[in-house]
């Protein structure tokens, strides 16, 4: 794995760790409102959420800038 790929995996795991913590270890749905974030931060949050959903770590529903996230896994699988 390249250095860049390893850094991306580390950053994704850190993001998932925060979701896990806010979900009370996967027991609660996390409510995220990205409406007040700058455009750049919105992009990063959306990218992490979409990737984590694609690899099966989370389930995510969204309504505009409002996201409801259920954490299914504590570890990034890919």
PDB file of N, CA and C in Angstrom:
ATOM      1  N   UNK A   1       0.850  -1.172   0.000  1.00  0.00           N
ATOM      2  CA  UNK A   1       0.000   0.000   0.000  1.00  0.00           C
ATOM      3  C   UNK A   1       0.895   1.234   0.000  1.00  0.00           C
ATOM      4  N   UNK A   2       0.556   2.193  -0.831  1.00  0.00           N
ATOM      5  CA  UNK A   2       1.356   3.402  -0.912  1.00  0.00           C
ATOM      6  C   UNK A   2       1.150   4.260   0.333  1.00  0.00           C
ATOM      7  N   UNK A   3       2.038   5.190   0.514  1.00  0.00           N
ATOM      8  CA  UNK A   3       1.963   6.088   1.670  1.00  0.00           C
ATOM      9  C   UNK A   3       0.673   6.903   1.657  1.00  0.00           C
ATOM     10  N   UNK A   4       0.277   7.367   0.479  1.00  0.00           N
ATOM     11  CA  UNK A   4      -0.953   8.157   0.357  1.00  0.00           C
ATOM     12  C   UNK A   4      -2.168   7.293   0.697  1.00  0.00           C
ATOM     13  N   UNK A   5      -2.208   6.081   0.172  1.00  0.00           N
ATOM     14  CA  UNK A   5      -3.325   5.179   0.456  1.00  0.00           C
ATOM     15  C   UNK A   5      -3.400   4.858   1.944  1.00  0.00           C
ATOM     16  N   UNK A   6      -2.264   4.666   2.568  1.00  0.00           N
ATOM     17  CA  UNK A   6      -2.232   4.389   4.009  1.00  0.00           C
ATOM     18  C   UNK A   6      -2.739   5.592   4.804  1.00  0.00           C
ATOM     19  N   UNK A   7      -2.382   6.803   4.378  1.00  0.00           N
ATOM     20  CA  UNK A   7      -2.848   8.012   5.067  1.00  0.00           C
ATOM     21  C   UNK A   7      -4.358   8.180   4.917  1.00  0.00           C
ATOM     22  N   UNK A   8      -4.878   7.882   3.730  1.00  0.00           N
ATOM     23  CA  UNK A   8      -6.325   7.954   3.500  1.00  0.00           C
ATOM     24  C   UNK A   8      -7.047   6.964   4.411  1.00  0.00           C
ATOM     25  N   UNK A   9      -6.521   5.746   4.519  1.00  0.00           N
ATOM     26  CA  UNK A   9      -7.141   4.749   5.390  1.00  0.00           C
ATOM     27  C   UNK A   9      -7.098   5.206   6.845  1.00  0.00           C
ATOM     28  N   UNK A  10      -5.990   5.773   7.279  1.00  0.00           N
ATOM     29  CA  UNK A  10      -5.856   6.274   8.652  1.00  0.00           C
ATOM     30  C   UNK A  10      -6.862   7.387   8.920  1.00  0.00           C
ATOM     31  N   UNK A  11      -6.963   8.346   8.011  1.00  0.00           N
ATOM     32  CA  UNK A  11      -7.902   9.460   8.180  1.00  0.00           C
ATOM     33  C   UNK A  11      -9.348   8.970   8.187  1.00  0.00           C
ATOM     34  N   UNK A  12      -9.657   8.003   7.328  1.00  0.00           N
ATOM     35  CA  UNK A  12     -11.003   7.440   7.285  1.00  0.00           C
ATOM     36  C   UNK A  12     -11.313   6.724   8.595  1.00  0.00           C
ATOM     37  N   UNK A  13     -10.343   6.003   9.130  1.00  0.00           N
ATOM     38  CA  UNK A  13     -10.538   5.318  10.413  1.00  0.00           C
ATOM     39  C   UNK A  13     -10.759   6.324  11.531  1.00  0.00           C
ATOM     40  N   UNK A  14     -10.031   7.440  11.530  1.00  0.00           N
ATOM     41  CA  UNK A  14     -10.223   8.477  12.544  1.00  0.00           C
ATOM     42  C   UNK A  14     -11.637   9.059  12.459  1.00  0.00           C
ATOM     43  N   UNK A  15     -12.137   9.279  11.247  1.00  0.00           N
ATOM     44  CA  UNK A  15     -13.499   9.781  11.058  1.00  0.00           C
ATOM     45  C   UNK A  15     -14.512   8.764  11.585  1.00  0.00           C
ATOM     46  N   UNK A  16     -14.304   7.480  11.258  1.00  0.00           N
ATOM     47  CA  UNK A  16     -15.190   6.422  11.734  1.00  0.00           C
ATOM     48  C   UNK A  16     -15.127   6.304  13.255  1.00  0.00           C
ATOM     49  N   UNK A  17     -13.946   6.473  13.843  1.00  0.00           N
ATOM     50  CA  UNK A  17     -13.812   6.434  15.301  1.00  0.00           C
ATOM     51  C   UNK A  17     -14.673   7.504  15.967  1.00  0.00           C
ATOM     52  N   UNK A  18     -14.703   8.694  15.381  1.00  0.00           N
ATOM     53  CA  UNK A  18     -15.537   9.778  15.924  1.00  0.00           C
ATOM     54  C   UNK A  18     -17.019   9.440  15.805  1.00  0.00           C
ATOM     55  N   UNK A  19     -17.423   8.885  14.665  1.00  0.00           N
ATOM     56  CA  UNK A  19     -18.815   8.466  14.509  1.00  0.00           C
ATOM     57  C   UNK A  19     -19.174   7.391  15.524  1.00  0.00           C
ATOM     58  N   UNK A  20     -18.263   6.438  15.720  1.00  0.00           N
ATOM     59  CA  UNK A  20     -18.484   5.344  16.669  1.00  0.00           C
ATOM     60  C   UNK A  20     -18.678   5.900  18.085  1.00  0.00           C
ATOM     61  N   UNK A  21     -17.841   6.849  18.446  1.00  0.00           N
ATOM     62  CA  UNK A  21     -17.922   7.454  19.777  1.00  0.00           C
ATOM     63  C   UNK A  21     -19.256   8.198  19.956  1.00  0.00           C
ATOM     64  N   UNK A  22     -19.657   8.964  18.952  1.00  0.00           N
ATOM     65  CA  UNK A  22     -20.899   9.741  19.039  1.00  0.00           C
ATOM     66  C   UNK A  22     -22.145   8.861  18.926  1.00  0.00           C
ATOM     67  N   UNK A  23     -21.979   7.639  18.426  1.00  0.00           N
ATOM     68  CA  UNK A  23     -23.118   6.729  18.295  1.00  0.00           C
ATOM     69  C   UNK A  23     -23.274   5.833  19.521  1.00  0.00           C
ATOM     70  N   UNK A  24     -22.526   6.112  20.575  1.00  0.00           N
ATOM     71  CA  UNK A  24     -22.545   5.271  21.782  1.00  0.00           C
ATOM     72  C   UNK A  24     -22.228   3.823  21.413  1.00  0.00           C
ATOM     73  N   UNK A  25     -21.099   3.663  20.741  1.00  0.00           N
ATOM     74  CA  UNK A  25     -20.604   2.350  20.298  1.00  0.00           C
ATOM     75  C   UNK A  25     -21.578   1.618  19.378  1.00  0.00           C
ATOM     76  N   UNK A  26     -22.171   2.378  18.456  1.00  0.00           N
ATOM     77  CA  UNK A  26     -23.046   1.792  17.454  1.00  0.00           C
ATOM     78  C   UNK A  26     -24.493   1.623  17.886  1.00  0.00           C
ATOM     79  N   UNK A  27     -24.849   2.084  19.066  1.00  0.00           N
ATOM     80  CA  UNK A  27     -26.207   1.894  19.590  1.00  0.00           C
ATOM     81  C   UNK A  27     -27.175   2.999  19.181  1.00  0.00           C
ATOM     82  N   UNK A  28     -26.680   4.166  18.851  1.00  0.00           N
ATOM     83  CA  UNK A  28     -27.524   5.321  18.538  1.00  0.00           C
ATOM     84  C   UNK A  28     -27.245   5.817  17.116  1.00  0.00           C
ATOM     85  N   UNK A  29     -28.226   6.483  16.541  1.00  0.00           N
ATOM     86  CA  UNK A  29     -28.068   7.121  15.233  1.00  0.00           C
ATOM     87  C   UNK A  29     -27.418   8.487  15.447  1.00  0.00           C
ATOM     88  N   UNK A  30     -26.419   8.799  14.637  1.00  0.00           N
ATOM     89  CA  UNK A  30     -25.718  10.075  14.723  1.00  0.00           C
ATOM     90  C   UNK A  30     -26.384  11.070  13.776  1.00  0.00           C
ATOM     91  N   UNK A  31     -26.694  12.237  14.289  1.00  0.00           N
ATOM     92  CA  UNK A  31     -27.330  13.302  13.519  1.00  0.00           C
ATOM     93  C   UNK A  31     -26.255  14.330  13.150  1.00  0.00           C
ATOM     94  N   UNK A  32     -25.990  14.492  11.855  1.00  0.00           N
ATOM     95  CA  UNK A  32     -24.965  15.421  11.388  1.00  0.00           C
ATOM     96  C   UNK A  32     -25.615  16.479  10.512  1.00  0.00           C
ATOM     97  N   UNK A  33     -25.405  17.734  10.854  1.00  0.00           N
ATOM     98  CA  UNK A  33     -25.893  18.849  10.037  1.00  0.00           C
ATOM     99  C   UNK A  33     -24.675  19.596   9.511  1.00  0.00           C
ATOM    100  N   UNK A  34     -24.449  19.495   8.203  1.00  0.00           N
ATOM    101  CA  UNK A  34     -23.262  20.123   7.621  1.00  0.00           C
ATOM    102  C   UNK A  34     -23.569  21.481   7.019  1.00  0.00           C
ATOM    103  N   UNK A  35     -24.765  21.989   7.260  1.00  0.00           N
ATOM    104  CA  UNK A  35     -25.194  23.249   6.670  1.00  0.00           C
ATOM    105  C   UNK A  35     -24.329  24.440   7.016  1.00  0.00           C
ATOM    106  N   UNK A  36     -23.729  24.438   8.195  1.00  0.00           N
ATOM    107  CA  UNK A  36     -22.933  25.585   8.636  1.00  0.00           C
ATOM    108  C   UNK A  36     -21.444  25.444   8.327  1.00  0.00           C
ATOM    109  N   UNK A  37     -21.048  24.327   7.742  1.00  0.00           N
ATOM    110  CA  UNK A  37     -19.641  24.132   7.401  1.00  0.00           C
ATOM    111  C   UNK A  37     -19.296  24.871   6.117  1.00  0.00           C
ATOM    112  N   UNK A  38     -18.011  25.180   5.963  1.00  0.00           N
ATOM    113  CA  UNK A  38     -17.575  25.786   4.708  1.00  0.00           C
ATOM    114  C   UNK A  38     -17.703  24.762   3.584  1.00  0.00           C
ATOM    115  N   UNK A  39     -17.678  25.238   2.368  1.00  0.00           N
ATOM    116  CA  UNK A  39     -17.841  24.373   1.200  1.00  0.00           C
ATOM    117  C   UNK A  39     -16.815  23.237   1.177  1.00  0.00           C
ATOM    118  N   UNK A  40     -15.558  23.547   1.516  1.00  0.00           N
ATOM    119  CA  UNK A  40     -14.504  22.530   1.512  1.00  0.00           C
ATOM    120  C   UNK A  40     -14.764  21.442   2.526  1.00  0.00           C
ATOM    121  N   UNK A  41     -15.167  21.818   3.735  1.00  0.00           N
ATOM    122  CA  UNK A  41     -15.435  20.823   4.773  1.00  0.00           C
ATOM    123  C   UNK A  41     -16.656  19.974   4.434  1.00  0.00           C
ATOM    124  N   UNK A  42     -17.671  20.583   3.817  1.00  0.00           N
ATOM    125  CA  UNK A  42     -18.843  19.819   3.388  1.00  0.00           C
ATOM    126  C   UNK A  42     -18.427  18.700   2.450  1.00  0.00           C
ATOM    127  N   UNK A  43     -17.545  19.020   1.524  1.00  0.00           N
ATOM    128  CA  UNK A  43     -17.081  18.027   0.557  1.00  0.00           C
ATOM    129  C   UNK A  43     -16.401  16.857   1.263  1.00  0.00           C
ATOM    130  N   UNK A  44     -15.519  17.142   2.219  1.00  0.00           N
ATOM    131  CA  UNK A  44     -14.806  16.076   2.927  1.00  0.00           C
ATOM    132  C   UNK A  44     -15.751  15.203   3.737  1.00  0.00           C
ATOM    133  N   UNK A  45     -16.679  15.824   4.450  1.00  0.00           N
ATOM    134  CA  UNK A  45     -17.630  15.046   5.255  1.00  0.00           C
ATOM    135  C   UNK A  45     -18.478  14.163   4.352  1.00  0.00           C
ATOM    136  N   UNK A  46     -18.978  14.708   3.248  1.00  0.00           N
ATOM    137  CA  UNK A  46     -19.774  13.915   2.315  1.00  0.00           C
ATOM    138  C   UNK A  46     -18.953  12.763   1.734  1.00  0.00           C
ATOM    139  N   UNK A  47     -17.710  13.040   1.378  1.00  0.00           N
ATOM    140  CA  UNK A  47     -16.850  11.999   0.798  1.00  0.00           C
ATOM    141  C   UNK A  47     -16.616  10.863   1.791  1.00  0.00           C
ATOM    142  N   UNK A  48     -16.309  11.197   3.045  1.00  0.00           N
ATOM    143  CA  UNK A  48     -16.120  10.159   4.063  1.00  0.00           C
ATOM    144  C   UNK A  48     -17.394   9.352   4.259  1.00  0.00           C
ATOM    145  N   UNK A  49     -18.541  10.025   4.358  1.00  0.00           N
ATOM    146  CA  UNK A  49     -19.800   9.320   4.577  1.00  0.00           C
ATOM    147  C   UNK A  49     -20.135   8.398   3.410  1.00  0.00           C
ATOM    148  N   UNK A  50     -19.964   8.886   2.186  1.00  0.00           N
ATOM    149  CA  UNK A  50     -20.256   8.052   1.014  1.00  0.00           C
ATOM    150  C   UNK A  50     -19.328   6.839   0.947  1.00  0.00           C
ATOM    151  N   UNK A  51     -18.042   7.046   1.211  1.00  0.00           N
ATOM    152  CA  UNK A  51     -17.091   5.931   1.169  1.00  0.00           C
ATOM    153  C   UNK A  51     -17.401   4.909   2.258  1.00  0.00           C
ATOM    154  N   UNK A  52     -17.644   5.378   3.483  1.00  0.00           N
ATOM    155  CA  UNK A  52     -17.945   4.454   4.576  1.00  0.00           C
ATOM    156  C   UNK A  52     -19.233   3.685   4.319  1.00  0.00           C
ATOM    157  N   UNK A  53     -20.194   4.325   3.670  1.00  0.00           N
ATOM    158  CA  UNK A  53     -21.424   3.623   3.320  1.00  0.00           C
ATOM    159  C   UNK A  53     -21.148   2.578   2.235  1.00  0.00           C
ATOM    160  N   UNK A  54     -20.341   2.939   1.263  1.00  0.00           N
ATOM    161  CA  UNK A  54     -20.026   2.025   0.158  1.00  0.00           C
ATOM    162  C   UNK A  54     -19.335   0.757   0.649  1.00  0.00           C
ATOM    163  N   UNK A  55     -18.446   0.874   1.646  1.00  0.00           N
ATOM    164  CA  UNK A  55     -17.724  -0.304   2.126  1.00  0.00           C
ATOM    165  C   UNK A  55     -18.446  -1.000   3.283  1.00  0.00           C
ATOM    166  N   UNK A  56     -19.650  -0.517   3.617  1.00  0.00           N
ATOM    167  CA  UNK A  56     -20.490  -1.227   4.575  1.00  0.00           C
ATOM    168  C   UNK A  56     -20.276  -0.908   6.045  1.00  0.00           C
ATOM    169  N   UNK A  57     -19.556   0.151   6.346  1.00  0.00           N
ATOM    170  CA  UNK A  57     -19.307   0.506   7.751  1.00  0.00           C
ATOM    171  C   UNK A  57     -20.466   1.283   8.375  1.00  0.00           C
ATOM    172  N   UNK A  58     -21.238   1.989   7.540  1.00  0.00           N
ATOM    173  CA  UNK A  58     -22.346   2.791   8.034  1.00  0.00           C
ATOM    174  C   UNK A  58     -23.550   2.651   7.109  1.00  0.00           C
ATOM    175  N   UNK A  59     -24.705   3.025   7.615  1.00  0.00           N
ATOM    176  CA  UNK A  59     -25.902   3.263   6.816  1.00  0.00           C
ATOM    177  C   UNK A  59     -26.190   4.742   6.957  1.00  0.00           C
ATOM    178  N   UNK A  60     -26.569   5.400   5.888  1.00  0.00           N
ATOM    179  CA  UNK A  60     -26.705   6.851   5.921  1.00  0.00           C
ATOM    180  C   UNK A  60     -27.916   7.293   5.103  1.00  0.00           C
ATOM    181  N   UNK A  61     -28.754   8.120   5.700  1.00  0.00           N
ATOM    182  CA  UNK A  61     -29.844   8.791   5.003  1.00  0.00           C
ATOM    183  C   UNK A  61     -29.579  10.276   5.089  1.00  0.00           C
ATOM    184  N   UNK A  62     -29.935  11.000   4.031  1.00  0.00           N
ATOM    185  CA  UNK A  62     -29.698  12.438   4.078  1.00  0.00           C
ATOM    186  C   UNK A  62     -30.864  13.196   3.480  1.00  0.00           C
ATOM    187  N   UNK A  63     -31.015  14.404   3.967  1.00  0.00           N
ATOM    188  CA  UNK A  63     -32.055  15.321   3.521  1.00  0.00           C
ATOM    189  C   UNK A  63     -31.392  16.681   3.399  1.00  0.00           C
ATOM    190  N   UNK A  64     -30.943  17.029   2.204  1.00  0.00           N
ATOM    191  CA  UNK A  64     -30.205  18.269   2.012  1.00  0.00           C
ATOM    192  C   UNK A  64     -28.866  18.211   2.728  1.00  0.00           C
ATOM    193  N   UNK A  65     -28.652  19.080   3.702  1.00  0.00           N
ATOM    194  CA  UNK A  65     -27.407  19.105   4.477  1.00  0.00           C
ATOM    195  C   UNK A  65     -27.522  18.356   5.802  1.00  0.00           C
ATOM    196  N   UNK A  66     -28.587  17.599   5.975  1.00  0.00           N
ATOM    197  CA  UNK A  66     -28.850  16.904   7.235  1.00  0.00           C
ATOM    198  C   UNK A  66     -28.675  15.393   7.021  1.00  0.00           C
ATOM    199  N   UNK A  67     -27.769  14.774   7.781  1.00  0.00           N
ATOM    200  CA  UNK A  67     -27.459  13.351   7.634  1.00  0.00           C
ATOM    201  C   UNK A  67     -27.795  12.590   8.912  1.00  0.00           C
ATOM    202  N   UNK A  68     -28.399  11.418   8.761  1.00  0.00           N
ATOM    203  CA  UNK A  68     -28.619  10.494   9.857  1.00  0.00           C
ATOM    204  C   UNK A  68     -27.760   9.269   9.572  1.00  0.00           C
ATOM    205  N   UNK A  69     -26.872   8.945  10.510  1.00  0.00           N
ATOM    206  CA  UNK A  69     -25.875   7.905  10.283  1.00  0.00           C
ATOM    207  C   UNK A  69     -25.984   6.821  11.353  1.00  0.00           C
ATOM    208  N   UNK A  70     -26.135   5.576  10.905  1.00  0.00           N
ATOM    209  CA  UNK A  70     -26.104   4.417  11.802  1.00  0.00           C
ATOM    210  C   UNK A  70     -24.780   3.702  11.559  1.00  0.00           C
ATOM    211  N   UNK A  71     -23.980   3.575  12.600  1.00  0.00           N
ATOM    212  CA  UNK A  71     -22.664   2.941  12.476  1.00  0.00           C
ATOM    213  C   UNK A  71     -22.818   1.434  12.648  1.00  0.00           C
ATOM    214  N   UNK A  72     -22.352   0.678  11.648  1.00  0.00           N
ATOM    215  CA  UNK A  72     -22.479  -0.773  11.654  1.00  0.00           C
ATOM    216  C   UNK A  72     -21.184  -1.477  12.027  1.00  0.00           C
ATOM    217  N   UNK A  73     -20.060  -0.804  11.830  1.00  0.00           N
ATOM    218  CA  UNK A  73     -18.756  -1.420  12.063  1.00  0.00           C
ATOM    219  C   UNK A  73     -17.814  -0.406  12.695  1.00  0.00           C
ATOM    220  N   UNK A  74     -16.963  -0.899  13.575  1.00  0.00           N
ATOM    221  CA  UNK A  74     -16.002  -0.027  14.255  1.00  0.00           C
ATOM    222  C   UNK A  74     -14.704   0.151  13.450  1.00  0.00           C
ATOM    223  N   UNK A  75     -14.437  -0.762  12.545  1.00  0.00           N
ATOM    224  CA  UNK A  75     -13.185  -0.759  11.791  1.00  0.00           C
ATOM    225  C   UNK A  75     -13.422  -0.570  10.296  1.00  0.00           C
ATOM    226  N   UNK A  76     -12.548   0.200   9.654  1.00  0.00           N
ATOM    227  CA  UNK A  76     -12.577   0.346   8.200  1.00  0.00           C
ATOM    228  C   UNK A  76     -12.153  -0.984   7.611  1.00  0.00           C
ATOM    229  N   UNK A  77     -12.997  -1.538   6.741  1.00  0.00           N
ATOM    230  CA  UNK A  77     -12.745  -2.890   6.243  1.00  0.00           C
ATOM    231  C   UNK A  77     -11.844  -2.944   5.023  1.00  0.00           C
ATOM    232  N   UNK A  78     -11.631  -1.792   4.355  1.00  0.00           N
ATOM    233  CA  UNK A  78     -10.793  -1.830   3.153  1.00  0.00           C
ATOM    234  C   UNK A  78      -9.702  -0.802   3.242  1.00  0.00           C
TER     235      UNK A  78
END
